[in-house]
PDB file of N, CA and C in Angstrom:
ATOM      1  N   MET A   1     -26.609  12.767  57.307  1.00  0.00           N
ATOM      2  CA  MET A   1     -26.775  11.503  56.628  1.00  0.00           C
ATOM      3  C   MET A   1     -26.979  11.716  55.136  1.00  0.00           C
ATOM      4  N   LYS A   2     -27.856  12.708  54.795  1.00  0.00           N
ATOM      5  CA  LYS A   2     -28.098  13.002  53.388  1.00  0.00           C
ATOM      6  C   LYS A   2     -26.820  13.461  52.702  1.00  0.00           C
ATOM      7  N   GLN A   3     -26.023  14.241  53.389  1.00  0.00           N
ATOM      8  CA  GLN A   3     -24.780  14.729  52.818  1.00  0.00           C
ATOM      9  C   GLN A   3     -23.814  13.578  52.540  1.00  0.00           C
ATOM     10  N   LEU A   4     -23.780  12.612  53.399  1.00  0.00           N
ATOM     11  CA  LEU A   4     -22.919  11.456  53.212  1.00  0.00           C
ATOM     12  C   LEU A   4     -23.358  10.644  51.995  1.00  0.00           C
ATOM     13  N   VAL A   5     -24.646  10.431  51.837  1.00  0.00           N
ATOM     14  CA  VAL A   5     -25.179   9.679  50.691  1.00  0.00           C
ATOM     15  C   VAL A   5     -24.914  10.447  49.390  1.00  0.00           C
ATOM     16  N   VAL A   6     -25.162  11.745  49.399  1.00  0.00           N
ATOM     17  CA  VAL A   6     -24.923  12.566  48.207  1.00  0.00           C
ATOM     18  C   VAL A   6     -23.437  12.566  47.873  1.00  0.00           C
ATOM     19  N   GLY A   7     -22.589  12.657  48.860  1.00  0.00           N
ATOM     20  CA  GLY A   7     -21.142  12.634  48.641  1.00  0.00           C
ATOM     21  C   GLY A   7     -20.686  11.310  48.038  1.00  0.00           C
ATOM     22  N   MET A   8     -21.245  10.214  48.518  1.00  0.00           N
ATOM     23  CA  MET A   8     -20.891   8.888  47.989  1.00  0.00           C
ATOM     24  C   MET A   8     -21.345   8.753  46.529  1.00  0.00           C
ATOM     25  N   ILE A   9     -22.519   9.274  46.216  1.00  0.00           N
ATOM     26  CA  ILE A   9     -23.028   9.212  44.841  1.00  0.00           C
ATOM     27  C   ILE A   9     -22.128  10.030  43.914  1.00  0.00           C
ATOM     28  N   VAL A  10     -21.712  11.197  44.352  1.00  0.00           N
ATOM     29  CA  VAL A  10     -20.828  12.044  43.545  1.00  0.00           C
ATOM     30  C   VAL A  10     -19.495  11.347  43.305  1.00  0.00           C
ATOM     31  N   VAL A  11     -18.910  10.774  44.340  1.00  0.00           N
ATOM     32  CA  VAL A  11     -17.622  10.078  44.207  1.00  0.00           C
ATOM     33  C   VAL A  11     -17.774   8.877  43.279  1.00  0.00           C
ATOM     34  N   LEU A  12     -18.837   8.132  43.433  1.00  0.00           N
ATOM     35  CA  LEU A  12     -19.085   6.973  42.587  1.00  0.00           C
ATOM     36  C   LEU A  12     -19.271   7.397  41.134  1.00  0.00           C
ATOM     37  N   GLY A  13     -20.013   8.463  40.918  1.00  0.00           N
ATOM     38  CA  GLY A  13     -20.234   8.973  39.563  1.00  0.00           C
ATOM     39  C   GLY A  13     -18.938   9.421  38.910  1.00  0.00           C
ATOM     40  N   MET A  14     -18.084  10.105  39.671  1.00  0.00           N
ATOM     41  CA  MET A  14     -16.801  10.566  39.137  1.00  0.00           C
ATOM     42  C   MET A  14     -15.894   9.382  38.811  1.00  0.00           C
ATOM     43  N   THR A  15     -15.947   8.361  39.615  1.00  0.00           N
ATOM     44  CA  THR A  15     -15.136   7.173  39.370  1.00  0.00           C
ATOM     45  C   THR A  15     -15.576   6.478  38.082  1.00  0.00           C
ATOM     46  N   LEU A  16     -16.866   6.389  37.860  1.00  0.00           N
ATOM     47  CA  LEU A  16     -17.381   5.767  36.642  1.00  0.00           C
ATOM     48  C   LEU A  16     -17.011   6.571  35.401  1.00  0.00           C
ATOM     49  N   VAL A  17     -17.103   7.885  35.485  1.00  0.00           N
ATOM     50  CA  VAL A  17     -16.744   8.745  34.354  1.00  0.00           C
ATOM     51  C   VAL A  17     -15.269   8.595  34.029  1.00  0.00           C
ATOM     52  N   GLN A  18     -14.442   8.567  35.054  1.00  0.00           N
ATOM     53  CA  GLN A  18     -13.008   8.420  34.849  1.00  0.00           C
ATOM     54  C   GLN A  18     -12.685   7.056  34.240  1.00  0.00           C
ATOM     55  N   ALA A  19     -13.366   6.020  34.664  1.00  0.00           N
ATOM     56  CA  ALA A  19     -13.138   4.677  34.120  1.00  0.00           C
ATOM     57  C   ALA A  19     -13.536   4.620  32.652  1.00  0.00           C
ATOM     58  N   GLN A  20     -14.610   5.289  32.269  1.00  0.00           N
ATOM     59  CA  GLN A  20     -15.027   5.312  30.871  1.00  0.00           C
ATOM     60  C   GLN A  20     -14.032   6.083  30.020  1.00  0.00           C
ATOM     61  N   ASP A  21     -13.518   7.198  30.523  1.00  0.00           N
ATOM     62  CA  ASP A  21     -12.542   7.988  29.784  1.00  0.00           C
ATOM     63  C   ASP A  21     -11.251   7.208  29.562  1.00  0.00           C
ATOM     64  N   SER A  22     -10.793   6.498  30.582  1.00  0.00           N
ATOM     65  CA  SER A  22      -9.533   5.777  30.454  1.00  0.00           C
ATOM     66  C   SER A  22      -9.662   4.591  29.511  1.00  0.00           C
ATOM     67  N   SER A  23     -10.861   4.002  29.396  1.00  0.00           N
ATOM     68  CA  SER A  23     -11.029   2.871  28.481  1.00  0.00           C
ATOM     69  C   SER A  23     -11.064   3.341  27.036  1.00  0.00           C
ATOM     70  N   ALA A  24     -11.416   4.584  26.778  1.00  0.00           N
ATOM     71  CA  ALA A  24     -11.455   5.106  25.421  1.00  0.00           C
ATOM     72  C   ALA A  24     -10.065   5.414  24.896  1.00  0.00           C
ATOM     73  N   LYS A  25      -9.129   5.669  25.778  1.00  0.00           N
ATOM     74  CA  LYS A  25      -7.763   5.988  25.378  1.00  0.00           C
ATOM     75  C   LYS A  25      -7.005   4.696  25.089  1.00  0.00           C
ATOM     76  N   PRO A  26      -6.171   4.700  24.018  1.00  0.00           N
ATOM     77  CA  PRO A  26      -5.383   3.495  23.750  1.00  0.00           C
ATOM     78  C   PRO A  26      -4.314   3.311  24.816  1.00  0.00           C
ATOM     79  N   SER A  27      -4.048   2.088  25.150  1.00  0.00           N
ATOM     80  CA  SER A  27      -3.032   1.840  26.161  1.00  0.00           C
ATOM     81  C   SER A  27      -1.646   1.956  25.550  1.00  0.00           C
ATOM     82  N   VAL A  28      -0.665   2.131  26.379  1.00  0.00           N
ATOM     83  CA  VAL A  28       0.711   2.268  25.924  1.00  0.00           C
ATOM     84  C   VAL A  28       1.199   0.967  25.299  1.00  0.00           C
ATOM     85  N   ALA A  29       0.717  -0.156  25.764  1.00  0.00           N
ATOM     86  CA  ALA A  29       1.177  -1.450  25.277  1.00  0.00           C
ATOM     87  C   ALA A  29       0.525  -1.860  23.964  1.00  0.00           C
ATOM     88  N   SER A  30      -0.542  -1.177  23.547  1.00  0.00           N
ATOM     89  CA  SER A  30      -1.211  -1.586  22.310  1.00  0.00           C
ATOM     90  C   SER A  30      -0.385  -1.168  21.096  1.00  0.00           C
ATOM     91  N   PRO A  31      -0.413  -1.958  20.010  1.00  0.00           N
ATOM     92  CA  PRO A  31       0.361  -1.625  18.818  1.00  0.00           C
ATOM     93  C   PRO A  31      -0.222  -0.417  18.104  1.00  0.00           C
ATOM     94  N   ALA A  32       0.577   0.173  17.234  1.00  0.00           N
ATOM     95  CA  ALA A  32       0.143   1.331  16.476  1.00  0.00           C
ATOM     96  C   ALA A  32      -0.989   0.940  15.537  1.00  0.00           C
ATOM     97  N   ALA A  33      -1.744   1.912  15.081  1.00  0.00           N
ATOM     98  CA  ALA A  33      -2.910   1.642  14.236  1.00  0.00           C
ATOM     99  C   ALA A  33      -2.525   0.948  12.937  1.00  0.00           C
ATOM    100  N   GLY A  34      -1.411   1.342  12.306  1.00  0.00           N
ATOM    101  CA  GLY A  34      -0.992   0.730  11.052  1.00  0.00           C
ATOM    102  C   GLY A  34      -0.617  -0.725  11.211  1.00  0.00           C
ATOM    103  N   VAL A  35       0.056  -1.051  12.288  1.00  0.00           N
ATOM    104  CA  VAL A  35       0.455  -2.428  12.542  1.00  0.00           C
ATOM    105  C   VAL A  35      -0.762  -3.266  12.859  1.00  0.00           C
ATOM    106  N   GLU A  36      -1.674  -2.689  13.624  1.00  0.00           N
ATOM    107  CA  GLU A  36      -2.885  -3.405  14.016  1.00  0.00           C
ATOM    108  C   GLU A  36      -3.744  -3.729  12.803  1.00  0.00           C
ATOM    109  N   ALA A  37      -3.774  -2.837  11.820  1.00  0.00           N
ATOM    110  CA  ALA A  37      -4.613  -3.019  10.643  1.00  0.00           C
ATOM    111  C   ALA A  37      -3.960  -3.947   9.619  1.00  0.00           C
ATOM    112  N   GLY A  38      -2.759  -4.419   9.863  1.00  0.00           N
ATOM    113  CA  GLY A  38      -2.094  -5.322   8.939  1.00  0.00           C
ATOM    114  C   GLY A  38      -1.240  -4.618   7.904  1.00  0.00           C
ATOM    115  N   LYS A  39      -1.025  -3.334   8.053  1.00  0.00           N
ATOM    116  CA  LYS A  39      -0.198  -2.595   7.105  1.00  0.00           C
ATOM    117  C   LYS A  39       1.274  -2.862   7.416  1.00  0.00           C
ATOM    118  N   PRO A  40       2.092  -2.969   6.372  1.00  0.00           N
ATOM    119  CA  PRO A  40       3.512  -3.228   6.612  1.00  0.00           C
ATOM    120  C   PRO A  40       4.217  -2.007   7.191  1.00  0.00           C
ATOM    121  N   SER A  41       5.261  -2.254   7.933  1.00  0.00           N
ATOM    122  CA  SER A  41       6.053  -1.165   8.497  1.00  0.00           C
ATOM    123  C   SER A  41       6.928  -0.557   7.414  1.00  0.00           C
ATOM    124  N   LYS A  42       7.615   0.495   7.749  1.00  0.00           N
ATOM    125  CA  LYS A  42       8.480   1.181   6.788  1.00  0.00           C
ATOM    126  C   LYS A  42       9.586   0.250   6.292  1.00  0.00           C
ATOM    127  N   GLU A  43      10.148  -0.531   7.189  1.00  0.00           N
ATOM    128  CA  GLU A  43      11.210  -1.471   6.811  1.00  0.00           C
ATOM    129  C   GLU A  43      10.669  -2.560   5.898  1.00  0.00           C
ATOM    130  N   GLN A  44       9.461  -3.028   6.176  1.00  0.00           N
ATOM    131  CA  GLN A  44       8.849  -4.066   5.342  1.00  0.00           C
ATOM    132  C   GLN A  44       8.534  -3.529   3.947  1.00  0.00           C
ATOM    133  N   ARG A  45       8.050  -2.291   3.871  1.00  0.00           N
ATOM    134  CA  ARG A  45       7.770  -1.697   2.561  1.00  0.00           C
ATOM    135  C   ARG A  45       9.049  -1.534   1.761  1.00  0.00           C
ATOM    136  N   LYS A  46      10.129  -1.161   2.431  1.00  0.00           N
ATOM    137  CA  LYS A  46      11.416  -0.999   1.751  1.00  0.00           C
ATOM    138  C   LYS A  46      11.908  -2.343   1.216  1.00  0.00           C
ATOM    139  N   ALA A  47      11.746  -3.405   1.994  1.00  0.00           N
ATOM    140  CA  ALA A  47      12.151  -4.740   1.548  1.00  0.00           C
ATOM    141  C   ALA A  47      11.304  -5.192   0.365  1.00  0.00           C
ATOM    142  N   MET A  48      10.001  -4.901   0.385  1.00  0.00           N
ATOM    143  CA  MET A  48       9.133  -5.260  -0.736  1.00  0.00           C
ATOM    144  C   MET A  48       9.545  -4.522  -2.003  1.00  0.00           C
ATOM    145  N   HIS A  49       9.896  -3.253  -1.837  1.00  0.00           N
ATOM    146  CA  HIS A  49      10.332  -2.449  -2.985  1.00  0.00           C
ATOM    147  C   HIS A  49      11.595  -3.048  -3.604  1.00  0.00           C
ATOM    148  N   GLU A  50      12.509  -3.478  -2.767  1.00  0.00           N
ATOM    149  CA  GLU A  50      13.747  -4.091  -3.259  1.00  0.00           C
ATOM    150  C   GLU A  50      13.469  -5.405  -3.977  1.00  0.00           C
ATOM    151  N   GLU A  51      12.527  -6.186  -3.471  1.00  0.00           N
ATOM    152  CA  GLU A  51      12.190  -7.453  -4.107  1.00  0.00           C
ATOM    153  C   GLU A  51      11.582  -7.237  -5.492  1.00  0.00           C
ATOM    154  N   LEU A  52      10.813  -6.183  -5.650  1.00  0.00           N
ATOM    155  CA  LEU A  52      10.182  -5.901  -6.934  1.00  0.00           C
ATOM    156  C   LEU A  52      11.129  -5.220  -7.919  1.00  0.00           C
ATOM    157  N   LYS A  53      12.287  -4.791  -7.441  1.00  0.00           N
ATOM    158  CA  LYS A  53      13.245  -4.091  -8.296  1.00  0.00           C
ATOM    159  C   LYS A  53      13.664  -4.955  -9.485  1.00  0.00           C
ATOM    160  N   GLU A  54      13.902  -6.234  -9.247  1.00  0.00           N
ATOM    161  CA  GLU A  54      14.300  -7.144 -10.320  1.00  0.00           C
ATOM    162  C   GLU A  54      13.190  -7.275 -11.358  1.00  0.00           C
ATOM    163  N   GLU A  55      11.964  -7.400 -10.897  1.00  0.00           N
ATOM    164  CA  GLU A  55      10.835  -7.534 -11.818  1.00  0.00           C
ATOM    165  C   GLU A  55      10.665  -6.266 -12.650  1.00  0.00           C
ATOM    166  N   ARG A  56      10.838  -5.117 -12.044  1.00  0.00           N
ATOM    167  CA  ARG A  56      10.713  -3.852 -12.776  1.00  0.00           C
ATOM    168  C   ARG A  56      11.789  -3.727 -13.843  1.00  0.00           C
ATOM    169  N   SER A  57      13.019  -4.076 -13.484  1.00  0.00           N
ATOM    170  CA  SER A  57      14.096  -3.984 -14.471  1.00  0.00           C
ATOM    171  C   SER A  57      13.893  -4.993 -15.599  1.00  0.00           C
ATOM    172  N   ALA A  58      13.299  -6.155 -15.301  1.00  0.00           N
ATOM    173  CA  ALA A  58      13.005  -7.139 -16.343  1.00  0.00           C
ATOM    174  C   ALA A  58      11.961  -6.584 -17.317  1.00  0.00           C
ATOM    175  N   VAL A  59      10.961  -5.891 -16.795  1.00  0.00           N
ATOM    176  CA  VAL A  59       9.944  -5.282 -17.662  1.00  0.00           C
ATOM    177  C   VAL A  59      10.578  -4.196 -18.524  1.00  0.00           C
ATOM    178  N   GLU A  60      11.412  -3.366 -17.920  1.00  0.00           N
ATOM    179  CA  GLU A  60      12.050  -2.285 -18.673  1.00  0.00           C
ATOM    180  C   GLU A  60      12.921  -2.826 -19.805  1.00  0.00           C
ATOM    181  N   SER A  61      13.674  -3.890 -19.542  1.00  0.00           N
ATOM    182  CA  SER A  61      14.541  -4.442 -20.587  1.00  0.00           C
ATOM    183  C   SER A  61      13.740  -5.203 -21.642  1.00  0.00           C
ATOM    184  N   ALA A  62      12.664  -5.876 -21.247  1.00  0.00           N
ATOM    185  CA  ALA A  62      11.860  -6.636 -22.201  1.00  0.00           C
ATOM    186  C   ALA A  62      10.984  -5.723 -23.064  1.00  0.00           C
ATOM    187  N   CYS A  63      10.658  -4.552 -22.576  1.00  0.00           N
ATOM    188  CA  CYS A  63       9.740  -3.662 -23.283  1.00  0.00           C
ATOM    189  C   CYS A  63      10.434  -2.440 -23.890  1.00  0.00           C
ATOM    190  N   VAL A  64      11.725  -2.539 -24.152  1.00  0.00           N
ATOM    191  CA  VAL A  64      12.479  -1.409 -24.712  1.00  0.00           C
ATOM    192  C   VAL A  64      11.924  -1.020 -26.075  1.00  0.00           C
ATOM    193  N   ASP A  65      11.709  -2.000 -26.938  1.00  0.00           N
ATOM    194  CA  ASP A  65      11.212  -1.711 -28.290  1.00  0.00           C
ATOM    195  C   ASP A  65       9.820  -1.086 -28.250  1.00  0.00           C
ATOM    196  N   GLU A  66       8.967  -1.597 -27.381  1.00  0.00           N
ATOM    197  CA  GLU A  66       7.620  -1.053 -27.263  1.00  0.00           C
ATOM    198  C   GLU A  66       7.644   0.383 -26.747  1.00  0.00           C
ATOM    199  N   ALA A  67       8.533   0.656 -25.807  1.00  0.00           N
ATOM    200  CA  ALA A  67       8.648   2.006 -25.252  1.00  0.00           C
ATOM    201  C   ALA A  67       9.109   2.988 -26.321  1.00  0.00           C
ATOM    202  N   LYS A  68      10.048   2.565 -27.173  1.00  0.00           N
ATOM    203  CA  LYS A  68      10.518   3.437 -28.255  1.00  0.00           C
ATOM    204  C   LYS A  68       9.409   3.669 -29.277  1.00  0.00           C
ATOM    205  N   ALA A  69       8.701   2.603 -29.635  1.00  0.00           N
ATOM    206  CA  ALA A  69       7.638   2.718 -30.636  1.00  0.00           C
ATOM    207  C   ALA A  69       6.479   3.575 -30.125  1.00  0.00           C
ATOM    208  N   ALA A  70       6.232   3.531 -28.822  1.00  0.00           N
ATOM    209  CA  ALA A  70       5.128   4.289 -28.233  1.00  0.00           C
ATOM    210  C   ALA A  70       5.540   5.701 -27.839  1.00  0.00           C
ATOM    211  N   ASN A  71       6.801   6.072 -28.074  1.00  0.00           N
ATOM    212  CA  ASN A  71       7.337   7.387 -27.708  1.00  0.00           C
ATOM    213  C   ASN A  71       7.180   7.668 -26.221  1.00  0.00           C
ATOM    214  N   CYS A  72       7.508   6.683 -25.411  1.00  0.00           N
ATOM    215  CA  CYS A  72       7.393   6.838 -23.960  1.00  0.00           C
ATOM    216  C   CYS A  72       8.616   7.510 -23.362  1.00  0.00           C
ATOM    217  N   GLY A  73       9.647   7.687 -24.139  1.00  0.00           N
ATOM    218  CA  GLY A  73      10.807   8.465 -23.728  1.00  0.00           C
ATOM    219  C   GLY A  73      11.486   7.962 -22.474  1.00  0.00           C
ATOM    220  N   ASP A  74      11.595   8.819 -21.480  1.00  0.00           N
ATOM    221  CA  ASP A  74      12.371   8.540 -20.273  1.00  0.00           C
ATOM    222  C   ASP A  74      11.543   7.918 -19.153  1.00  0.00           C
ATOM    223  N   LYS A  75      10.350   7.454 -19.448  1.00  0.00           N
ATOM    224  CA  LYS A  75       9.494   6.882 -18.406  1.00  0.00           C
ATOM    225  C   LYS A  75       9.996   5.497 -18.014  1.00  0.00           C
ATOM    226  N   VAL A  76       9.799   5.165 -16.744  1.00  0.00           N
ATOM    227  CA  VAL A  76      10.221   3.865 -16.214  1.00  0.00           C
ATOM    228  C   VAL A  76       9.032   3.198 -15.541  1.00  0.00           C
ATOM    229  N   VAL A  77       9.195   1.927 -15.223  1.00  0.00           N
ATOM    230  CA  VAL A  77       8.137   1.192 -14.540  1.00  0.00           C
ATOM    231  C   VAL A  77       7.906   1.829 -13.177  1.00  0.00           C
ATOM    232  N   GLY A  78       6.674   2.108 -12.887  1.00  0.00           N
ATOM    233  CA  GLY A  78       6.324   2.771 -11.640  1.00  0.00           C
ATOM    234  C   GLY A  78       6.196   4.271 -11.802  1.00  0.00           C
ATOM    235  N   LYS A  79       6.634   4.781 -12.945  1.00  0.00           N
ATOM    236  CA  LYS A  79       6.550   6.219 -13.209  1.00  0.00           C
ATOM    237  C   LYS A  79       5.909   6.500 -14.562  1.00  0.00           C
ATOM    238  N   GLY A  80       5.070   5.572 -15.055  1.00  0.00           N
ATOM    239  CA  GLY A  80       4.281   5.847 -16.235  1.00  0.00           C
ATOM    240  C   GLY A  80       4.582   5.031 -17.477  1.00  0.00           C
ATOM    241  N   LEU A  81       5.583   4.173 -17.461  1.00  0.00           N
ATOM    242  CA  LEU A  81       5.931   3.401 -18.657  1.00  0.00           C
ATOM    243  C   LEU A  81       4.801   2.470 -19.082  1.00  0.00           C
ATOM    244  N   LEU A  82       4.293   1.684 -18.155  1.00  0.00           N
ATOM    245  CA  LEU A  82       3.243   0.726 -18.498  1.00  0.00           C
ATOM    246  C   LEU A  82       1.970   1.440 -18.948  1.00  0.00           C
ATOM    247  N   LYS A  83       1.649   2.525 -18.304  1.00  0.00           N
ATOM    248  CA  LYS A  83       0.467   3.301 -18.681  1.00  0.00           C
ATOM    249  C   LYS A  83       0.638   3.874 -20.084  1.00  0.00           C
ATOM    250  N   CYS A  84       1.829   4.357 -20.389  1.00  0.00           N
ATOM    251  CA  CYS A  84       2.115   4.919 -21.705  1.00  0.00           C
ATOM    252  C   CYS A  84       1.974   3.847 -22.787  1.00  0.00           C
ATOM    253  N   ILE A  85       2.519   2.668 -22.544  1.00  0.00           N
ATOM    254  CA  ILE A  85       2.431   1.574 -23.515  1.00  0.00           C
ATOM    255  C   ILE A  85       0.979   1.171 -23.733  1.00  0.00           C
ATOM    256  N   HIS A  86       0.205   1.054 -22.656  1.00  0.00           N
ATOM    257  CA  HIS A  86      -1.204   0.667 -22.775  1.00  0.00           C
ATOM    258  C   HIS A  86      -2.021   1.724 -23.526  1.00  0.00           C
ATOM    259  N   GLN A  87      -1.749   2.988 -23.262  1.00  0.00           N
ATOM    260  CA  GLN A  87      -2.472   4.049 -23.959  1.00  0.00           C
ATOM    261  C   GLN A  87      -2.155   4.035 -25.452  1.00  0.00           C
ATOM    262  N   HIS A  88      -0.884   3.812 -25.785  1.00  0.00           N
ATOM    263  CA  HIS A  88      -0.492   3.756 -27.194  1.00  0.00           C
ATOM    264  C   HIS A  88      -1.125   2.543 -27.875  1.00  0.00           C
ATOM    265  N   LYS A  89      -1.223   1.436 -27.149  1.00  0.00           N
ATOM    266  CA  LYS A  89      -1.835   0.237 -27.707  1.00  0.00           C
ATOM    267  C   LYS A  89      -3.317   0.474 -28.010  1.00  0.00           C
ATOM    268  N   LYS A  90      -4.010   1.177 -27.131  1.00  0.00           N
ATOM    269  CA  LYS A  90      -5.423   1.487 -27.359  1.00  0.00           C
ATOM    270  C   LYS A  90      -5.608   2.438 -28.542  1.00  0.00           C
ATOM    271  N   ALA A  91      -4.692   3.394 -28.673  1.00  0.00           N
ATOM    272  CA  ALA A  91      -4.815   4.408 -29.711  1.00  0.00           C
ATOM    273  C   ALA A  91      -4.419   3.883 -31.093  1.00  0.00           C
ATOM    274  N   SER A  92      -3.523   2.928 -31.148  1.00  0.00           N
ATOM    275  CA  SER A  92      -3.019   2.439 -32.421  1.00  0.00           C
ATOM    276  C   SER A  92      -3.388   0.970 -32.602  1.00  0.00           C
ATOM    277  N   ALA A  93      -4.129   0.685 -33.650  1.00  0.00           N
ATOM    278  CA  ALA A  93      -4.587  -0.684 -33.904  1.00  0.00           C
ATOM    279  C   ALA A  93      -3.437  -1.592 -34.351  1.00  0.00           C
ATOM    280  N   ASP A  94      -2.420  -1.029 -35.007  1.00  0.00           N
ATOM    281  CA  ASP A  94      -1.331  -1.860 -35.514  1.00  0.00           C
ATOM    282  C   ASP A  94      -0.179  -2.037 -34.516  1.00  0.00           C
ATOM    283  N   PHE A  95      -0.273  -1.420 -33.354  1.00  0.00           N
ATOM    284  CA  PHE A  95       0.782  -1.556 -32.334  1.00  0.00           C
ATOM    285  C   PHE A  95       0.637  -2.895 -31.614  1.00  0.00           C
ATOM    286  N   LYS A  96       1.692  -3.668 -31.590  1.00  0.00           N
ATOM    287  CA  LYS A  96       1.683  -4.982 -30.943  1.00  0.00           C
ATOM    288  C   LYS A  96       2.726  -5.007 -29.830  1.00  0.00           C
ATOM    289  N   VAL A  97       2.374  -5.639 -28.732  1.00  0.00           N
ATOM    290  CA  VAL A  97       3.290  -5.825 -27.619  1.00  0.00           C
ATOM    291  C   VAL A  97       3.882  -7.225 -27.747  1.00  0.00           C
ATOM    292  N   SER A  98       5.192  -7.320 -27.637  1.00  0.00           N
ATOM    293  CA  SER A  98       5.862  -8.613 -27.806  1.00  0.00           C
ATOM    294  C   SER A  98       5.505  -9.571 -26.670  1.00  0.00           C
ATOM    295  N   ASP A  99       5.673 -10.857 -26.944  1.00  0.00           N
ATOM    296  CA  ASP A  99       5.374 -11.873 -25.933  1.00  0.00           C
ATOM    297  C   ASP A  99       6.282 -11.736 -24.711  1.00  0.00           C
ATOM    298  N   SER A 100       7.555 -11.397 -24.932  1.00  0.00           N
ATOM    299  CA  SER A 100       8.475 -11.253 -23.800  1.00  0.00           C
ATOM    300  C   SER A 100       8.063 -10.087 -22.903  1.00  0.00           C
ATOM    301  N   CYS A 101       7.581  -9.017 -23.517  1.00  0.00           N
ATOM    302  CA  CYS A 101       7.117  -7.858 -22.736  1.00  0.00           C
ATOM    303  C   CYS A 101       5.856  -8.226 -21.961  1.00  0.00           C
ATOM    304  N   LYS A 102       4.922  -8.930 -22.607  1.00  0.00           N
ATOM    305  CA  LYS A 102       3.701  -9.365 -21.931  1.00  0.00           C
ATOM    306  C   LYS A 102       4.021 -10.265 -20.741  1.00  0.00           C
ATOM    307  N   ASP A 103       4.957 -11.208 -20.950  1.00  0.00           N
ATOM    308  CA  ASP A 103       5.331 -12.124 -19.872  1.00  0.00           C
ATOM    309  C   ASP A 103       5.962 -11.375 -18.697  1.00  0.00           C
ATOM    310  N   ALA A 104       6.820 -10.415 -19.008  1.00  0.00           N
ATOM    311  CA  ALA A 104       7.461  -9.634 -17.945  1.00  0.00           C
ATOM    312  C   ALA A 104       6.434  -8.830 -17.159  1.00  0.00           C
ATOM    313  N   MET A 105       5.452  -8.273 -17.861  1.00  0.00           N
ATOM    314  CA  MET A 105       4.396  -7.510 -17.173  1.00  0.00           C
ATOM    315  C   MET A 105       3.549  -8.428 -16.297  1.00  0.00           C
ATOM    316  N   LYS A 106       3.253  -9.628 -16.792  1.00  0.00           N
ATOM    317  CA  LYS A 106       2.470 -10.581 -15.999  1.00  0.00           C
ATOM    318  C   LYS A 106       3.232 -11.009 -14.749  1.00  0.00           C
ATOM    319  N   ASN A 107       4.534 -11.231 -14.887  1.00  0.00           N
ATOM    320  CA  ASN A 107       5.351 -11.614 -13.724  1.00  0.00           C
ATOM    321  C   ASN A 107       5.369 -10.501 -12.681  1.00  0.00           C
ATOM    322  N   LEU A 108       5.514  -9.272 -13.132  1.00  0.00           N
ATOM    323  CA  LEU A 108       5.510  -8.137 -12.209  1.00  0.00           C
ATOM    324  C   LEU A 108       4.166  -8.044 -11.484  1.00  0.00           C
ATOM    325  N   LYS A 109       3.082  -8.206 -12.236  1.00  0.00           N
ATOM    326  CA  LYS A 109       1.752  -8.121 -11.637  1.00  0.00           C
ATOM    327  C   LYS A 109       1.537  -9.232 -10.605  1.00  0.00           C
ATOM    328  N   SER A 110       1.996 -10.449 -10.920  1.00  0.00           N
ATOM    329  CA  SER A 110       1.819 -11.545  -9.970  1.00  0.00           C
ATOM    330  C   SER A 110       2.668 -11.340  -8.719  1.00  0.00           C
ATOM    331  N   GLU A 111       3.864 -10.786  -8.865  1.00  0.00           N
ATOM    332  CA  GLU A 111       4.705 -10.498  -7.698  1.00  0.00           C
ATOM    333  C   GLU A 111       4.063  -9.433  -6.818  1.00  0.00           C
ATOM    334  N   ARG A 112       3.463  -8.435  -7.433  1.00  0.00           N
ATOM    335  CA  ARG A 112       2.782  -7.394  -6.657  1.00  0.00           C
ATOM    336  C   ARG A 112       1.616  -7.980  -5.878  1.00  0.00           C
ATOM    337  N   ARG A 113       0.883  -8.893  -6.509  1.00  0.00           N
ATOM    338  CA  ARG A 113      -0.244  -9.528  -5.825  1.00  0.00           C
ATOM    339  C   ARG A 113       0.240 -10.356  -4.629  1.00  0.00           C
ATOM    340  N   LYS A 114       1.366 -11.043  -4.798  1.00  0.00           N
ATOM    341  CA  LYS A 114       1.921 -11.829  -3.697  1.00  0.00           C
ATOM    342  C   LYS A 114       2.280 -10.933  -2.526  1.00  0.00           C
ATOM    343  N   MET A 115       2.777  -9.748  -2.829  1.00  0.00           N
ATOM    344  CA  MET A 115       3.177  -8.801  -1.774  1.00  0.00           C
ATOM    345  C   MET A 115       1.968  -8.319  -0.989  1.00  0.00           C
ATOM    346  N   LYS A 116       0.832  -8.179  -1.657  1.00  0.00           N
ATOM    347  CA  LYS A 116      -0.351  -7.660  -0.973  1.00  0.00           C
ATOM    348  C   LYS A 116      -0.985  -8.684  -0.055  1.00  0.00           C
ATOM    349  N   LYS A 117      -0.745  -9.967  -0.293  1.00  0.00           N
ATOM    350  CA  LYS A 117      -1.352 -11.012   0.523  1.00  0.00           C
ATOM    351  C   LYS A 117      -0.659 -11.190   1.818  1.00  0.00           C
TER     352      LYS A 117
END
C-alpha cells in the first residue's frame, strides 16, 4: 500500500514538473519576439527606408551650399552630413543654414517620427 502511494506521488510530481517546463517554452504558434514587441519586420523596414529616400534626397539637394561651406565633402544624409553641418554651425558663429535647408531637415525629422509611431 505504501509503495502504491509513494509511486502515485512520484508520478504526480513528475507530471507537475513537466507541465511547468512546457509552459516556460514558447509555443510554435506564438509570434517571434520582434513581432510581439511591435518591431517592424525586415520587409517593413525596407519599405520605410524607401519612403524616406525622397526626404533624404530633398535634404541633400537643399543643403548643397551648406555642405560645401562646411567642408562635408562626400557625406550624405544618414552617413554624417547633418552631423557635419551641425558641428560646423556650432564651431563657426558666422555660418548660417538657409531656410530651404532647415525646412528640408524638419520635413525629414517629422517623417522619421511618423515612421516610429
